[in-house]
Amino acid sequence: MQLEFELVTYDEELDKFELDETIYQIELSEEDAETYHLLKDSDLHLYNWLKESDFFKKYIKEEVYPDSKNKKIAISDINGISYRRFYFFKVTSGDSHYEYFKKLYNIHEESDWQDREDVGEEILQHLSTKRQELILNLG
């Protein structure tokens, strides 16, 4: 099974993510393909499995970023499942992103625009920690 994915790079000094804009492919073993099919519907479990997989880390270090001393990356897409909202969320982001994070972080409904800004700030606070968990340090 072919797995397609995209990456973002992380600049620690600027605390900023940048899209790599390349679609990478990796061949999964039969066992890894089974694991993928078990996890593909559970968003962050899929992300964490891939991020922690030795075959993935090896591929990234040898094929994608071979001269990557101290480079930090994160996965932005896995077979069409996007994680970009984690890196590029802003207080002005669209409703679907608000709904996703409100559900993920158990944030109660807001009632007007000011509340939406407050919720956006609360989401950003949660994301400041979550983003660090999603980063893969190639150093």
N, C-alpha and C. Protein backbone atom coordinates (compact mmCIF):
# COMPACT_ATOMS: atom_id res chain seq x y z
N MET A 1 0.84 -1.18 0.00
CA MET A 1 0.00 0.00 0.00
C MET A 1 0.88 1.24 0.00
N GLN A 2 0.53 2.20 -0.85
CA GLN A 2 1.23 3.49 -0.90
C GLN A 2 0.57 4.47 0.08
N LEU A 3 1.40 5.13 0.85
CA LEU A 3 0.92 6.17 1.75
C LEU A 3 1.45 7.50 1.24
N GLU A 4 0.55 8.45 1.02
CA GLU A 4 0.96 9.79 0.60
C GLU A 4 0.88 10.71 1.81
N PHE A 5 1.87 11.59 1.93
CA PHE A 5 1.85 12.54 3.03
C PHE A 5 2.55 13.83 2.62
N GLU A 6 2.24 14.87 3.36
CA GLU A 6 2.87 16.17 3.18
C GLU A 6 3.38 16.63 4.54
N LEU A 7 4.34 17.53 4.51
CA LEU A 7 4.99 17.97 5.74
C LEU A 7 4.97 19.49 5.87
N VAL A 8 5.19 19.94 7.08
CA VAL A 8 5.50 21.34 7.35
C VAL A 8 6.82 21.36 8.10
N THR A 9 7.59 22.43 7.90
CA THR A 9 8.82 22.60 8.66
C THR A 9 8.55 23.62 9.76
N TYR A 10 9.27 23.47 10.86
CA TYR A 10 9.05 24.34 12.01
C TYR A 10 10.30 25.16 12.28
N ASP A 11 10.14 26.46 12.38
CA ASP A 11 11.23 27.38 12.74
C ASP A 11 11.05 27.74 14.20
N GLU A 12 11.91 27.19 15.03
CA GLU A 12 11.77 27.37 16.48
C GLU A 12 11.96 28.83 16.89
N GLU A 13 12.91 29.52 16.28
CA GLU A 13 13.17 30.92 16.64
C GLU A 13 11.95 31.80 16.39
N LEU A 14 11.27 31.57 15.28
CA LEU A 14 10.10 32.38 14.93
C LEU A 14 8.79 31.77 15.41
N ASP A 15 8.85 30.53 15.95
CA ASP A 15 7.67 29.77 16.34
C ASP A 15 6.66 29.79 15.19
N LYS A 16 7.15 29.35 14.02
CA LYS A 16 6.37 29.44 12.79
C LYS A 16 6.51 28.16 11.97
N PHE A 17 5.40 27.75 11.34
CA PHE A 17 5.39 26.59 10.46
C PHE A 17 5.33 27.06 9.02
N GLU A 18 5.99 26.29 8.14
CA GLU A 18 5.95 26.58 6.71
C GLU A 18 5.66 25.29 5.96
N LEU A 19 4.73 25.36 5.02
CA LEU A 19 4.34 24.20 4.23
C LEU A 19 5.46 23.78 3.29
N ASP A 20 5.76 22.50 3.25
CA ASP A 20 6.81 21.95 2.37
C ASP A 20 6.36 21.94 0.91
N GLU A 21 5.08 21.73 0.65
CA GLU A 21 4.47 21.73 -0.68
C GLU A 21 4.91 20.59 -1.60
N THR A 22 5.48 19.53 -1.04
CA THR A 22 5.83 18.34 -1.80
C THR A 22 4.97 17.19 -1.29
N ILE A 23 4.45 16.39 -2.21
CA ILE A 23 3.70 15.20 -1.81
C ILE A 23 4.68 14.03 -1.84
N TYR A 24 4.87 13.42 -0.68
CA TYR A 24 5.79 12.29 -0.55
C TYR A 24 4.99 11.00 -0.54
N GLN A 25 5.64 9.92 -0.98
CA GLN A 25 5.00 8.60 -0.95
C GLN A 25 5.96 7.61 -0.32
N ILE A 26 5.36 6.72 0.45
CA ILE A 26 6.14 5.66 1.08
C ILE A 26 5.32 4.37 0.97
N GLU A 27 6.00 3.28 0.72
CA GLU A 27 5.34 1.98 0.62
C GLU A 27 5.23 1.38 2.02
N LEU A 28 4.01 0.98 2.39
CA LEU A 28 3.79 0.35 3.70
C LEU A 28 3.87 -1.16 3.57
N SER A 29 4.43 -1.77 4.59
CA SER A 29 4.41 -3.23 4.65
C SER A 29 2.97 -3.68 4.89
N GLU A 30 2.72 -4.95 4.74
CA GLU A 30 1.37 -5.48 4.96
C GLU A 30 0.91 -5.20 6.39
N GLU A 31 1.79 -5.40 7.34
CA GLU A 31 1.47 -5.17 8.75
C GLU A 31 1.17 -3.68 9.01
N ASP A 32 2.00 -2.80 8.45
CA ASP A 32 1.77 -1.36 8.62
C ASP A 32 0.50 -0.92 7.92
N ALA A 33 0.17 -1.52 6.79
CA ALA A 33 -1.06 -1.19 6.07
C ALA A 33 -2.28 -1.57 6.93
N GLU A 34 -2.20 -2.70 7.62
CA GLU A 34 -3.29 -3.10 8.52
C GLU A 34 -3.44 -2.09 9.64
N THR A 35 -2.32 -1.67 10.22
CA THR A 35 -2.37 -0.67 11.29
C THR A 35 -2.96 0.63 10.77
N TYR A 36 -2.54 1.04 9.57
CA TYR A 36 -3.09 2.25 8.96
C TYR A 36 -4.61 2.16 8.86
N HIS A 37 -5.12 1.04 8.35
CA HIS A 37 -6.57 0.88 8.18
C HIS A 37 -7.30 0.89 9.51
N LEU A 38 -6.67 0.41 10.57
CA LEU A 38 -7.29 0.45 11.90
C LEU A 38 -7.36 1.87 12.45
N LEU A 39 -6.34 2.69 12.13
CA LEU A 39 -6.23 4.02 12.72
C LEU A 39 -6.72 5.17 11.84
N LYS A 40 -6.99 4.90 10.57
CA LYS A 40 -7.27 5.99 9.63
C LYS A 40 -8.48 6.84 10.01
N ASP A 41 -9.39 6.30 10.77
CA ASP A 41 -10.56 7.07 11.16
C ASP A 41 -10.40 7.76 12.51
N SER A 42 -9.25 7.60 13.13
CA SER A 42 -9.04 8.23 14.42
C SER A 42 -7.87 9.21 14.36
N ASP A 43 -8.03 10.18 13.48
CA ASP A 43 -7.25 11.39 13.38
C ASP A 43 -5.88 11.40 14.08
N LEU A 44 -5.85 11.74 15.36
CA LEU A 44 -4.58 11.93 16.05
C LEU A 44 -3.88 10.61 16.37
N HIS A 45 -4.61 9.51 16.48
CA HIS A 45 -3.97 8.22 16.68
C HIS A 45 -3.16 7.85 15.43
N LEU A 46 -3.72 8.12 14.26
CA LEU A 46 -3.01 7.88 13.01
C LEU A 46 -1.75 8.73 12.94
N TYR A 47 -1.89 9.99 13.27
CA TYR A 47 -0.76 10.91 13.25
C TYR A 47 0.37 10.41 14.17
N ASN A 48 0.01 10.10 15.40
CA ASN A 48 1.01 9.68 16.38
C ASN A 48 1.67 8.36 15.99
N TRP A 49 0.89 7.44 15.44
CA TRP A 49 1.46 6.17 14.98
C TRP A 49 2.50 6.42 13.90
N LEU A 50 2.16 7.22 12.91
CA LEU A 50 3.10 7.47 11.82
C LEU A 50 4.33 8.22 12.33
N LYS A 51 4.12 9.22 13.14
CA LYS A 51 5.22 10.02 13.68
C LYS A 51 6.20 9.17 14.48
N GLU A 52 5.70 8.18 15.19
CA GLU A 52 6.53 7.33 16.04
C GLU A 52 7.10 6.11 15.32
N SER A 53 6.64 5.84 14.12
CA SER A 53 7.07 4.64 13.39
C SER A 53 8.51 4.76 12.94
N ASP A 54 9.30 3.73 13.20
CA ASP A 54 10.70 3.72 12.80
C ASP A 54 10.86 3.84 11.29
N PHE A 55 10.00 3.14 10.53
CA PHE A 55 10.12 3.18 9.07
C PHE A 55 9.90 4.61 8.55
N PHE A 56 8.99 5.34 9.20
CA PHE A 56 8.70 6.71 8.78
C PHE A 56 9.88 7.63 9.11
N LYS A 57 10.37 7.56 10.33
CA LYS A 57 11.50 8.41 10.74
C LYS A 57 12.73 8.14 9.86
N LYS A 58 12.97 6.88 9.57
CA LYS A 58 14.11 6.51 8.72
C LYS A 58 13.95 7.10 7.32
N TYR A 59 12.75 6.96 6.76
CA TYR A 59 12.47 7.50 5.43
C TYR A 59 12.69 9.01 5.40
N ILE A 60 12.19 9.70 6.39
CA ILE A 60 12.33 11.16 6.45
C ILE A 60 13.81 11.55 6.52
N LYS A 61 14.55 10.89 7.40
CA LYS A 61 15.97 11.23 7.59
C LYS A 61 16.84 10.87 6.39
N GLU A 62 16.51 9.76 5.71
CA GLU A 62 17.35 9.31 4.61
C GLU A 62 16.91 9.82 3.24
N GLU A 63 15.60 9.95 3.02
CA GLU A 63 15.10 10.28 1.69
C GLU A 63 14.59 11.72 1.54
N VAL A 64 13.94 12.23 2.57
CA VAL A 64 13.30 13.54 2.45
C VAL A 64 14.25 14.66 2.86
N TYR A 65 14.82 14.54 4.04
CA TYR A 65 15.73 15.58 4.56
C TYR A 65 17.04 14.93 5.02
N PRO A 66 17.87 14.47 4.08
CA PRO A 66 19.10 13.77 4.47
C PRO A 66 20.11 14.66 5.21
N ASP A 67 20.12 15.95 4.95
CA ASP A 67 21.01 16.88 5.64
C ASP A 67 20.20 17.71 6.62
N SER A 68 19.61 17.04 7.57
CA SER A 68 18.59 17.68 8.40
C SER A 68 18.99 17.86 9.86
N LYS A 69 20.24 18.09 10.12
CA LYS A 69 20.69 18.25 11.50
C LYS A 69 19.84 19.32 12.20
N ASN A 70 19.21 18.95 13.29
CA ASN A 70 18.39 19.83 14.12
C ASN A 70 17.16 20.41 13.41
N LYS A 71 16.74 19.82 12.33
CA LYS A 71 15.54 20.25 11.62
C LYS A 71 14.32 19.71 12.36
N LYS A 72 13.27 20.51 12.41
CA LYS A 72 12.03 20.10 13.05
C LYS A 72 10.91 20.16 12.02
N ILE A 73 10.13 19.09 11.98
CA ILE A 73 9.04 18.99 11.01
C ILE A 73 7.79 18.50 11.71
N ALA A 74 6.68 18.57 10.99
CA ALA A 74 5.43 17.97 11.43
C ALA A 74 4.70 17.50 10.17
N ILE A 75 3.76 16.61 10.36
CA ILE A 75 3.00 16.06 9.24
C ILE A 75 1.79 16.98 9.01
N SER A 76 1.60 17.41 7.76
CA SER A 76 0.45 18.27 7.48
C SER A 76 -0.72 17.50 6.87
N ASP A 77 -0.44 16.41 6.15
CA ASP A 77 -1.49 15.60 5.53
C ASP A 77 -1.05 14.15 5.46
N ILE A 78 -2.00 13.23 5.68
CA ILE A 78 -1.76 11.80 5.50
C ILE A 78 -2.91 11.27 4.67
N ASN A 79 -2.62 10.85 3.44
CA ASN A 79 -3.66 10.31 2.54
C ASN A 79 -4.94 11.14 2.55
N GLY A 80 -4.79 12.44 2.45
CA GLY A 80 -5.95 13.32 2.37
C GLY A 80 -6.51 13.77 3.70
N ILE A 81 -6.02 13.25 4.81
CA ILE A 81 -6.44 13.71 6.14
C ILE A 81 -5.51 14.86 6.50
N SER A 82 -6.09 16.04 6.70
CA SER A 82 -5.29 17.24 6.92
C SER A 82 -5.13 17.57 8.41
N TYR A 83 -3.92 17.94 8.76
CA TYR A 83 -3.60 18.40 10.12
C TYR A 83 -3.16 19.85 10.10
N ARG A 84 -3.32 20.51 8.97
CA ARG A 84 -2.85 21.88 8.80
C ARG A 84 -3.48 22.85 9.79
N ARG A 85 -4.71 22.58 10.19
CA ARG A 85 -5.37 23.49 11.13
C ARG A 85 -4.60 23.60 12.44
N PHE A 86 -3.83 22.57 12.80
CA PHE A 86 -3.04 22.63 14.02
C PHE A 86 -1.92 23.66 13.92
N TYR A 87 -1.39 23.86 12.74
CA TYR A 87 -0.24 24.73 12.56
C TYR A 87 -0.61 26.13 12.11
N PHE A 88 -1.74 26.27 11.44
CA PHE A 88 -2.09 27.55 10.83
C PHE A 88 -3.39 28.14 11.37
N PHE A 89 -3.89 27.63 12.50
CA PHE A 89 -5.12 28.17 13.09
C PHE A 89 -4.88 29.62 13.52
N LYS A 90 -5.86 30.46 13.22
CA LYS A 90 -5.86 31.86 13.66
C LYS A 90 -7.23 32.14 14.27
N VAL A 91 -7.31 33.21 15.05
CA VAL A 91 -8.58 33.59 15.66
C VAL A 91 -9.62 33.83 14.57
N THR A 92 -9.18 34.19 13.37
CA THR A 92 -10.10 34.46 12.26
C THR A 92 -10.37 33.24 11.39
N SER A 93 -9.93 32.05 11.80
CA SER A 93 -10.13 30.83 11.01
C SER A 93 -11.61 30.52 10.83
N GLY A 94 -11.88 29.67 9.86
CA GLY A 94 -13.26 29.32 9.52
C GLY A 94 -13.98 28.51 10.57
N ASP A 95 -15.30 28.45 10.42
CA ASP A 95 -16.17 27.77 11.37
C ASP A 95 -15.82 26.31 11.57
N SER A 96 -15.45 25.61 10.48
CA SER A 96 -15.16 24.17 10.61
C SER A 96 -13.97 23.93 11.54
N HIS A 97 -13.00 24.84 11.51
CA HIS A 97 -11.83 24.70 12.40
C HIS A 97 -12.24 24.96 13.85
N TYR A 98 -13.09 25.96 14.06
CA TYR A 98 -13.59 26.23 15.41
C TYR A 98 -14.33 25.01 15.95
N GLU A 99 -15.21 24.45 15.13
CA GLU A 99 -16.00 23.30 15.57
C GLU A 99 -15.09 22.12 15.92
N TYR A 100 -14.09 21.88 15.09
CA TYR A 100 -13.16 20.78 15.33
C TYR A 100 -12.47 20.94 16.68
N PHE A 101 -11.91 22.12 16.92
CA PHE A 101 -11.15 22.33 18.16
C PHE A 101 -12.05 22.46 19.39
N LYS A 102 -13.24 23.00 19.22
CA LYS A 102 -14.16 23.05 20.35
C LYS A 102 -14.49 21.63 20.81
N LYS A 103 -14.69 20.74 19.86
CA LYS A 103 -14.98 19.35 20.21
C LYS A 103 -13.75 18.68 20.80
N LEU A 104 -12.59 18.87 20.19
CA LEU A 104 -11.35 18.25 20.65
C LEU A 104 -11.00 18.67 22.07
N TYR A 105 -11.17 19.96 22.38
CA TYR A 105 -10.77 20.48 23.69
C TYR A 105 -11.94 20.71 24.64
N ASN A 106 -13.12 20.19 24.30
CA ASN A 106 -14.32 20.31 25.15
C ASN A 106 -14.60 21.76 25.54
N ILE A 107 -14.62 22.63 24.55
CA ILE A 107 -14.91 24.04 24.78
C ILE A 107 -16.39 24.26 24.53
N HIS A 108 -17.06 24.97 25.45
CA HIS A 108 -18.50 25.21 25.33
C HIS A 108 -18.81 26.21 24.23
N GLU A 109 -20.03 26.13 23.70
CA GLU A 109 -20.50 27.00 22.62
C GLU A 109 -20.36 28.47 22.98
N GLU A 110 -20.01 29.27 21.98
CA GLU A 110 -20.04 30.71 22.16
C GLU A 110 -21.34 31.26 21.59
N SER A 111 -21.68 32.49 21.97
CA SER A 111 -22.96 33.02 21.53
C SER A 111 -22.83 34.23 20.60
N ASP A 112 -21.72 34.94 20.62
CA ASP A 112 -21.55 36.08 19.71
C ASP A 112 -20.09 36.20 19.29
N TRP A 113 -19.80 37.21 18.46
CA TRP A 113 -18.46 37.36 17.90
C TRP A 113 -17.39 37.52 18.99
N GLN A 114 -17.65 38.31 20.02
CA GLN A 114 -16.67 38.50 21.08
C GLN A 114 -16.34 37.16 21.74
N ASP A 115 -17.37 36.36 21.97
CA ASP A 115 -17.13 35.03 22.55
C ASP A 115 -16.28 34.19 21.59
N ARG A 116 -16.53 34.34 20.29
CA ARG A 116 -15.75 33.59 19.29
C ARG A 116 -14.27 33.95 19.40
N GLU A 117 -13.97 35.23 19.59
CA GLU A 117 -12.58 35.64 19.75
C GLU A 117 -11.99 35.02 21.02
N ASP A 118 -12.76 35.00 22.08
CA ASP A 118 -12.31 34.39 23.34
C ASP A 118 -12.05 32.90 23.15
N VAL A 119 -12.96 32.24 22.44
CA VAL A 119 -12.80 30.81 22.16
C VAL A 119 -11.55 30.59 21.30
N GLY A 120 -11.35 31.46 20.31
CA GLY A 120 -10.16 31.37 19.46
C GLY A 120 -8.88 31.48 20.28
N GLU A 121 -8.86 32.39 21.23
CA GLU A 121 -7.69 32.54 22.11
C GLU A 121 -7.50 31.28 22.97
N GLU A 122 -8.60 30.72 23.45
CA GLU A 122 -8.51 29.50 24.25
C GLU A 122 -7.98 28.34 23.40
N ILE A 123 -8.43 28.25 22.16
CA ILE A 123 -7.93 27.22 21.25
C ILE A 123 -6.44 27.40 21.03
N LEU A 124 -6.01 28.64 20.80
CA LEU A 124 -4.58 28.91 20.59
C LEU A 124 -3.74 28.51 21.81
N GLN A 125 -4.27 28.71 23.01
CA GLN A 125 -3.55 28.28 24.22
C GLN A 125 -3.38 26.77 24.23
N HIS A 126 -4.45 26.04 23.90
CA HIS A 126 -4.36 24.58 23.83
C HIS A 126 -3.36 24.16 22.74
N LEU A 127 -3.42 24.85 21.61
CA LEU A 127 -2.56 24.49 20.48
C LEU A 127 -1.08 24.75 20.75
N SER A 128 -0.76 25.72 21.59
CA SER A 128 0.65 25.99 21.87
C SER A 128 1.32 24.76 22.46
N THR A 129 0.59 24.00 23.25
CA THR A 129 1.12 22.75 23.80
C THR A 129 1.03 21.61 22.79
N LYS A 130 -0.11 21.47 22.13
CA LYS A 130 -0.33 20.37 21.19
C LYS A 130 0.65 20.43 20.03
N ARG A 131 0.96 21.61 19.53
CA ARG A 131 1.90 21.74 18.41
C ARG A 131 3.25 21.14 18.76
N GLN A 132 3.69 21.35 19.97
CA GLN A 132 4.99 20.80 20.38
C GLN A 132 4.97 19.28 20.39
N GLU A 133 3.83 18.69 20.73
CA GLU A 133 3.69 17.23 20.71
C GLU A 133 3.72 16.68 19.28
N LEU A 134 3.27 17.46 18.32
CA LEU A 134 3.18 17.01 16.94
C LEU A 134 4.50 17.12 16.18
N ILE A 135 5.43 17.88 16.71
CA ILE A 135 6.71 18.12 16.01
C ILE A 135 7.63 16.91 16.15
N LEU A 136 8.27 16.59 15.04
CA LEU A 136 9.27 15.52 15.00
C LEU A 136 10.63 16.17 14.83
N ASN A 137 11.51 15.98 15.81
CA ASN A 137 12.85 16.57 15.77
C ASN A 137 13.78 15.58 15.07
N LEU A 138 14.36 16.00 13.95
CA LEU A 138 15.23 15.12 13.17
C LEU A 138 16.67 15.15 13.65
N GLY A 139 16.99 15.96 14.66
CA GLY A 139 18.36 16.09 15.17
C GLY A 139 18.82 14.88 15.81
